[in-house]
Amino acid sequence: MQFFPATEYQPHCAQLFEDYKTKIKQLIPFAIVEHIGSSAIPNAISKGDLDIYIEVPAQQFLDAIKELQQLNFKEKLDTLRTHELCMLQSQAHDVALQIVMTGSEFQNFLTFRDQLRRHPELVQQYNQLKQSCSGTSPEQYRQIKALFIQNVLNPHPAYK
């Protein structure tokens, strides 16, 4: 797994996000569209991909997924899928859409991003974790990363 410094991928991801946000808002004007993932966190290293958070009300969830597929996205099958979360993967770019139901636990995508934006020391730890995963399988990397995310979202009471 290869990681890139923020200066090499974040400007491109920021522009790509703005382009997609415009298209998404045209299809689903009521959606909350946020830039998430490493590309949204200053100084975070990354594989160079873009993650976009799209929050919609429960009654619009399935329709939003269908609408977004018009932008050349397909549902990613080898990842968590619930009645409150669906990941779509671009067929053209290294872009993932995280469609999240309003009020669900998956709003924690924003919480995690905001925690790292507020705490540069967490970004440093996150970068070190990623670099330590350089020869691991994608599954191992996801497991290790998930533990870090869980610890950021639910810190030990002594550290709150």
Protein backbone atom coordinates (compact mmCIF):
# COMPACT_ATOMS: atom_id res chain seq x y z
CA MET A 1 0.00 0.00 0.00
CA GLN A 2 1.43 3.36 -1.01
CA PHE A 3 0.72 6.64 0.77
CA PHE A 4 1.25 10.17 -0.49
CA PRO A 5 2.00 13.38 1.43
CA ALA A 6 -0.86 15.86 1.66
CA THR A 7 0.81 18.30 -0.74
CA GLU A 8 0.78 15.69 -3.51
CA TYR A 9 -2.90 14.72 -3.45
CA GLN A 10 -5.02 17.15 -1.41
CA PRO A 11 -5.27 19.99 -3.97
CA HIS A 12 -6.54 17.54 -6.62
CA CYS A 13 -8.99 15.94 -4.17
CA ALA A 14 -10.29 19.35 -3.07
CA GLN A 15 -11.06 20.29 -6.68
CA LEU A 16 -12.60 16.89 -7.41
CA PHE A 17 -14.77 17.25 -4.29
CA GLU A 18 -16.10 20.63 -5.43
CA ASP A 19 -16.91 19.20 -8.87
CA TYR A 20 -18.77 16.24 -7.39
CA LYS A 21 -20.53 18.36 -4.76
CA THR A 22 -22.05 20.49 -7.52
CA LYS A 23 -23.28 17.39 -9.39
CA ILE A 24 -24.61 15.76 -6.21
CA LYS A 25 -26.51 18.89 -5.14
CA GLN A 26 -28.11 19.06 -8.60
CA LEU A 27 -29.41 15.51 -8.19
CA ILE A 28 -30.25 15.71 -4.46
CA PRO A 29 -30.62 19.38 -3.43
CA PHE A 30 -31.61 18.56 0.17
CA ALA A 31 -28.54 16.38 0.85
CA ILE A 32 -25.77 17.38 3.21
CA VAL A 33 -22.53 16.94 1.24
CA GLU A 34 -19.22 17.00 3.11
CA HIS A 35 -15.60 16.25 2.24
CA ILE A 36 -14.38 13.49 4.59
CA GLY A 37 -11.49 11.08 4.81
CA SER A 38 -7.79 11.85 4.83
CA SER A 39 -8.03 14.27 1.93
CA ALA A 40 -10.18 16.51 4.15
CA ILE A 41 -7.66 16.53 7.01
CA PRO A 42 -4.69 18.93 6.84
CA ASN A 43 -1.32 17.15 6.63
CA ALA A 44 -2.80 13.65 6.52
CA ILE A 45 -1.08 11.15 4.28
CA SER A 46 -3.33 9.07 2.06
CA LYS A 47 -3.63 6.59 -0.77
CA GLY A 48 -4.80 9.64 -2.69
CA ASP A 49 -8.48 8.78 -2.84
CA LEU A 50 -11.48 11.01 -2.17
CA ASP A 51 -14.33 10.22 0.24
CA ILE A 52 -17.57 12.17 0.13
CA TYR A 53 -20.20 12.08 2.87
CA ILE A 54 -23.80 12.42 1.71
CA GLU A 55 -26.47 12.61 4.41
CA VAL A 56 -30.13 12.19 3.54
CA PRO A 57 -33.35 11.65 5.52
CA ALA A 58 -34.52 8.06 6.03
CA GLN A 59 -37.40 8.34 3.55
CA GLN A 60 -34.99 9.50 0.80
CA PHE A 61 -32.17 7.01 1.45
CA LEU A 62 -32.88 4.40 -1.25
CA ASP A 63 -33.88 7.01 -3.84
CA ALA A 64 -30.64 8.93 -3.17
CA ILE A 65 -28.59 5.79 -3.84
CA LYS A 66 -30.35 5.30 -7.19
CA GLU A 67 -29.88 8.95 -8.12
CA LEU A 68 -26.17 8.91 -7.30
CA GLN A 69 -25.58 5.83 -9.44
CA GLN A 70 -26.33 8.11 -12.43
CA LEU A 71 -22.93 9.74 -11.78
CA ASN A 72 -21.17 6.48 -12.81
CA PHE A 73 -21.04 4.97 -9.31
CA LYS A 74 -21.73 1.38 -8.31
CA GLU A 75 -22.45 -0.06 -4.90
CA LYS A 76 -19.31 -1.44 -3.27
CA LEU A 77 -20.10 -4.97 -2.18
CA ASP A 78 -17.07 -5.88 -0.02
CA THR A 79 -17.72 -3.26 2.65
CA LEU A 80 -20.20 -2.57 5.44
CA ARG A 81 -23.74 -2.03 4.10
CA THR A 82 -26.73 -1.41 6.35
CA HIS A 83 -30.16 0.19 6.00
CA GLU A 84 -28.42 3.44 7.16
CA LEU A 85 -25.14 3.30 5.21
CA CYS A 86 -24.27 2.55 1.61
CA MET A 87 -20.92 3.04 -0.10
CA LEU A 88 -20.80 3.77 -3.80
CA GLN A 89 -17.53 3.56 -5.74
CA SER A 90 -16.80 5.63 -8.83
CA GLN A 91 -16.19 3.74 -12.04
CA ALA A 92 -14.08 6.64 -13.37
CA HIS A 93 -12.08 8.06 -10.42
CA ASP A 94 -10.75 6.91 -7.07
CA VAL A 95 -13.81 8.37 -5.34
CA ALA A 96 -16.19 6.83 -2.80
CA LEU A 97 -19.56 8.17 -1.72
CA GLN A 98 -20.72 7.33 1.80
CA ILE A 99 -24.50 7.68 1.77
CA VAL A 100 -25.62 8.07 5.38
CA MET A 101 -29.09 8.24 6.87
CA THR A 102 -29.75 11.33 9.01
CA GLY A 103 -29.67 10.46 12.70
CA SER A 104 -27.63 7.29 12.24
CA GLU A 105 -24.42 6.32 14.01
CA PHE A 106 -22.62 6.84 10.70
CA GLN A 107 -22.68 10.59 11.20
CA ASN A 108 -19.47 9.73 13.08
CA PHE A 109 -17.62 10.13 9.76
CA LEU A 110 -17.92 13.87 10.44
CA THR A 111 -16.98 13.51 14.11
CA PHE A 112 -13.79 11.64 13.22
CA ARG A 113 -12.81 14.20 10.56
CA ASP A 114 -13.46 17.09 12.94
CA GLN A 115 -11.48 15.48 15.78
CA LEU A 116 -8.43 15.12 13.55
CA ARG A 117 -8.81 18.67 12.24
CA ARG A 118 -8.83 19.94 15.85
CA HIS A 119 -5.97 17.75 17.09
CA PRO A 120 -2.82 17.72 14.91
CA GLU A 121 -1.25 15.18 17.26
CA LEU A 122 -3.96 12.70 16.20
CA VAL A 123 -3.08 13.34 12.55
CA GLN A 124 0.54 12.58 13.38
CA GLN A 125 -0.49 9.30 15.05
CA TYR A 126 -2.78 8.46 12.12
CA ASN A 127 0.06 9.08 9.65
CA GLN A 128 2.42 6.87 11.66
CA LEU A 129 -0.20 4.12 11.78
CA LYS A 130 -0.64 4.28 8.01
CA GLN A 131 3.11 4.21 7.36
CA SER A 132 3.43 1.17 9.62
CA CYS A 133 0.88 -0.60 7.41
CA SER A 134 3.05 -0.32 4.27
CA GLY A 135 3.29 -4.08 3.48
CA THR A 136 0.00 -5.20 4.94
CA SER A 137 -3.00 -6.47 3.02
CA PRO A 138 -5.93 -4.11 2.47
CA GLU A 139 -7.96 -6.16 4.99
CA GLN A 140 -5.28 -5.85 7.67
CA TYR A 141 -4.95 -2.14 6.98
CA ARG A 142 -8.72 -1.64 7.35
CA GLN A 143 -8.73 -3.55 10.66
CA ILE A 144 -5.84 -1.53 12.10
CA LYS A 145 -7.35 1.73 10.87
CA ALA A 146 -10.76 0.79 12.33
CA LEU A 147 -9.22 0.37 15.79
CA PHE A 148 -7.63 3.83 15.57
CA ILE A 149 -10.92 5.39 14.45
CA GLN A 150 -12.79 3.63 17.26
CA ASN A 151 -10.28 4.98 19.80
CA VAL A 152 -10.67 8.53 18.45
CA LEU A 153 -14.47 8.30 18.53
CA ASN A 154 -14.60 6.59 21.94
CA PRO A 155 -11.49 7.66 23.87
CA HIS A 156 -10.69 6.07 27.18
CA PRO A 157 -12.54 8.05 29.92
CA ALA A 158 -9.21 9.10 31.46
CA TYR A 159 -8.29 10.96 28.25
CA LYS A 160 -11.55 12.77 27.55
